[in-house]
C-alpha atoms as a PDB file:
ATOM      1  CA  MET A   1      94.416  82.125  96.343  1.00  0.00           C
ATOM      2  CA  LYS A   2      95.274  85.797  96.757  1.00  0.00           C
ATOM      3  CA  GLY A   3      98.338  85.217  98.931  1.00  0.00           C
ATOM      4  CA  SER A   4      99.438  87.249 101.927  1.00  0.00           C
ATOM      5  CA  ILE A   5      98.306  90.818 102.553  1.00  0.00           C
ATOM      6  CA  ILE A   6     101.173  93.289 102.098  1.00  0.00           C
ATOM      7  CA  TYR A   7      99.154  96.543 102.282  1.00  0.00           C
ATOM      8  CA  SER A   8      95.696  97.195 103.672  1.00  0.00           C
ATOM      9  CA  ASP A   9      93.436 100.148 104.357  1.00  0.00           C
ATOM     10  CA  ARG A  10      89.666 100.700 104.297  1.00  0.00           C
ATOM     11  CA  LEU A  11      89.673 101.092 100.499  1.00  0.00           C
ATOM     12  CA  VAL A  12      92.120  98.542  99.082  1.00  0.00           C
ATOM     13  CA  GLU A  13      94.164  95.511 100.031  1.00  0.00           C
ATOM     14  CA  VAL A  14      97.317  94.515  98.175  1.00  0.00           C
ATOM     15  CA  TYR A  15      98.142  90.816  98.207  1.00  0.00           C
ATOM     16  CA  ASP A  16     101.066  88.851  96.770  1.00  0.00           C
ATOM     17  CA  LYS A  17      98.963  88.161  93.666  1.00  0.00           C
ATOM     18  CA  GLY A  18      97.020  91.396  93.122  1.00  0.00           C
ATOM     19  CA  ILE A  19      94.817  94.193  94.442  1.00  0.00           C
ATOM     20  CA  LEU A  20      91.403  93.922  96.084  1.00  0.00           C
ATOM     21  CA  PHE A  21      89.160  96.981  95.696  1.00  0.00           C
ATOM     22  CA  ARG A  22      86.620  97.138  98.482  1.00  0.00           C
ATOM     23  CA  ASN A  23      83.110  98.398  97.671  1.00  0.00           C
ATOM     24  CA  TYR A  24      83.713  98.239  93.931  1.00  0.00           C
ATOM     25  CA  TYR A  25      80.216  97.196  92.875  1.00  0.00           C
ATOM     26  CA  PHE A  26      76.849  98.086  94.366  1.00  0.00           C
ATOM     27  CA  PRO A  27      76.015  97.013  97.029  1.00  0.00           C
ATOM     28  CA  PHE A  28      79.427  96.734  98.663  1.00  0.00           C
ATOM     29  CA  VAL A  29      80.928  93.951  96.512  1.00  0.00           C
ATOM     30  CA  SER A  30      84.717  93.834  96.105  1.00  0.00           C
ATOM     31  CA  LYS A  31      86.768  93.265  92.944  1.00  0.00           C
ATOM     32  CA  PHE A  32      90.135  91.503  92.732  1.00  0.00           C
ATOM     33  CA  VAL A  33      92.640  92.422  89.994  1.00  0.00           C
ATOM     34  CA  THR A  34      95.722  90.266  89.447  1.00  0.00           C
ATOM     35  CA  PHE A  35      99.108  91.871  88.817  1.00  0.00           C
ATOM     36  CA  PRO A  36      99.525  90.262  85.353  1.00  0.00           C
ATOM     37  CA  ASP A  37      96.243  91.944  84.287  1.00  0.00           C
ATOM     38  CA  ILE A  38      97.677  95.423  85.001  1.00  0.00           C
ATOM     39  CA  LEU A  39      98.885  97.159  81.846  1.00  0.00           C
ATOM     40  CA  ARG A  40      99.607 100.532  83.435  1.00  0.00           C
ATOM     41  CA  LEU A  41      99.238 102.264  86.795  1.00  0.00           C
ATOM     42  CA  TYR A  42      99.404 106.016  86.953  1.00  0.00           C
ATOM     43  CA  LYS A  43      98.852 108.677  89.566  1.00  0.00           C
ATOM     44  CA  LYS A  44      97.384 112.141  89.158  1.00  0.00           C
ATOM     45  CA  ALA A  45      96.758 115.049  91.474  1.00  0.00           C
ATOM     46  CA  SER A  46      93.118 114.974  92.534  1.00  0.00           C
ATOM     47  CA  THR A  47      91.098 117.566  90.566  1.00  0.00           C
ATOM     48  CA  LEU A  48      87.500 118.202  89.636  1.00  0.00           C
ATOM     49  CA  ALA A  49      88.264 117.038  86.073  1.00  0.00           C
ATOM     50  CA  ASN A  50      89.615 113.607  87.027  1.00  0.00           C
ATOM     51  CA  GLY A  51      87.256 112.393  89.741  1.00  0.00           C
ATOM     52  CA  LYS A  52      87.850 114.348  92.917  1.00  0.00           C
ATOM     53  CA  TRP A  53      84.086 114.457  93.542  1.00  0.00           C
ATOM     54  CA  ARG A  54      83.248 111.055  92.034  1.00  0.00           C
ATOM     55  CA  ILE A  55      82.325 109.189  95.220  1.00  0.00           C
ATOM     56  CA  TRP A  56      81.320 105.912  93.547  1.00  0.00           C
ATOM     57  CA  GLY A  57      80.631 104.676  90.027  1.00  0.00           C
ATOM     58  CA  SER A  58      81.048 106.450  86.704  1.00  0.00           C
ATOM     59  CA  THR A  59      79.619 109.195  84.549  1.00  0.00           C
ATOM     60  CA  ASN A  60      81.039 108.024  81.223  1.00  0.00           C
ATOM     61  CA  PHE A  61      82.009 104.343  81.737  1.00  0.00           C
ATOM     62  CA  MET A  62      85.585 105.073  80.697  1.00  0.00           C
ATOM     63  CA  TYR A  63      86.514 105.170  84.401  1.00  0.00           C
ATOM     64  CA  TRP A  64      84.950 103.357  87.342  1.00  0.00           C
ATOM     65  CA  TYR A  65      85.531 104.533  90.904  1.00  0.00           C
ATOM     66  CA  PRO A  66      85.082 102.228  93.916  1.00  0.00           C
ATOM     67  CA  LEU A  67      83.292 103.811  96.866  1.00  0.00           C
ATOM     68  CA  ASP A  68      85.312 106.390  98.830  1.00  0.00           C
ATOM     69  CA  TRP A  69      83.335 108.944 100.815  1.00  0.00           C
ATOM     70  CA  ARG A  70      86.549 110.856 101.531  1.00  0.00           C
ATOM     71  CA  ARG A  71      87.821 111.085  97.937  1.00  0.00           C
ATOM     72  CA  PRO A  72      87.202 114.884  97.783  1.00  0.00           C
ATOM     73  CA  ARG A  73      89.728 115.322 100.624  1.00  0.00           C
ATOM     74  CA  ARG A  74      92.449 113.159  99.067  1.00  0.00           C
ATOM     75  CA  THR A  75      95.332 114.683  97.147  1.00  0.00           C
ATOM     76  CA  ALA A  76      95.987 111.890  94.620  1.00  0.00           C
ATOM     77  CA  ILE A  77      93.966 109.502  92.480  1.00  0.00           C
ATOM     78  CA  TYR A  78      95.409 106.337  90.935  1.00  0.00           C
ATOM     79  CA  PHE A  79      94.245 104.905  87.621  1.00  0.00           C
ATOM     80  CA  LEU A  80      94.622 101.337  86.371  1.00  0.00           C
ATOM     81  CA  ASN A  81      94.512 100.199  82.757  1.00  0.00           C
ATOM     82  CA  LEU A  82      93.737  96.496  82.591  1.00  0.00           C
ATOM     83  CA  ALA A  83      94.195  93.917  79.860  1.00  0.00           C
ATOM     84  CA  SER A  84      90.854  92.264  80.661  1.00  0.00           C
ATOM     85  CA  GLN A  85      88.545  95.299  80.445  1.00  0.00           C
ATOM     86  CA  LYS A  86      88.228  98.631  78.663  1.00  0.00           C
ATOM     87  CA  VAL A  87      86.919 100.516  81.686  1.00  0.00           C
ATOM     88  CA  ARG A  88      89.782 101.926  83.760  1.00  0.00           C
ATOM     89  CA  ILE A  89      89.690 101.875  87.534  1.00  0.00           C
ATOM     90  CA  GLY A  90      90.107 105.234  89.280  1.00  0.00           C
ATOM     91  CA  PHE A  91      90.795 104.748  92.974  1.00  0.00           C
ATOM     92  CA  THR A  92      92.234 106.346  96.067  1.00  0.00           C
ATOM     93  CA  VAL A  93      94.131 104.934  99.021  1.00  0.00           C
ATOM     94  CA  GLU A  94      94.513 106.145 102.589  1.00  0.00           C
ATOM     95  CA  HIS A  95      98.335 106.013 102.599  1.00  0.00           C
ATOM     96  CA  PRO A  96      99.656 106.890  99.118  1.00  0.00           C
ATOM     97  CA  GLU A  97     103.358 106.683 100.040  1.00  0.00           C
ATOM     98  CA  GLN A  98     103.035 103.183 101.515  1.00  0.00           C
ATOM     99  CA  PHE A  99     100.865 102.019  98.632  1.00  0.00           C
ATOM    100  CA  SER A 100     103.372 103.350  96.082  1.00  0.00           C
ATOM    101  CA  GLU A 101     106.267 101.574  97.807  1.00  0.00           C
ATOM    102  CA  VAL A 102     104.363  98.290  97.884  1.00  0.00           C
ATOM    103  CA  MET A 103     103.496  98.554  94.195  1.00  0.00           C
ATOM    104  CA  LYS A 104     107.129  99.264  93.318  1.00  0.00           C
ATOM    105  CA  SER A 105     108.169  96.216  95.362  1.00  0.00           C
ATOM    106  CA  LYS A 106     105.787  94.142  93.214  1.00  0.00           C
ATOM    107  CA  GLY A 107     107.403  95.458  90.030  1.00  0.00           C
ATOM    108  CA  ILE A 108     104.514  97.768  89.109  1.00  0.00           C
ATOM    109  CA  GLU A 109     105.772 101.150  87.931  1.00  0.00           C
ATOM    110  CA  ILE A 110     103.651 104.169  88.826  1.00  0.00           C
ATOM    111  CA  HIS A 111     103.546 106.752  86.052  1.00  0.00           C
ATOM    112  CA  ASN A 112     102.889 110.355  87.032  1.00  0.00           C
ATOM    113  CA  SER A 113     100.759 112.430  84.711  1.00  0.00           C
END
């Protein structure tokens, strides 16, 4: 059970127990990550070098990006390091301030880099 939804947009949903990434796998399959699996969450300004134009997938399999057609317009990209996999998740949200507050309320620190 994922629990109650505490944040939701077209890209992600945050539940009591973790984060659901919509359109993670082709074709349009979601992925759920539990909070205990998160080793580190960090946020970077969106640039060409860190995935601003990566709409979906990966070029090097160090980072995987769920589908976001509007990623080039977004100002920030979040990255997750997980205990269960080597590939990091690079993702965007529609409301970064709200998302950040929700993650802090769940005890997940957001590192800026």
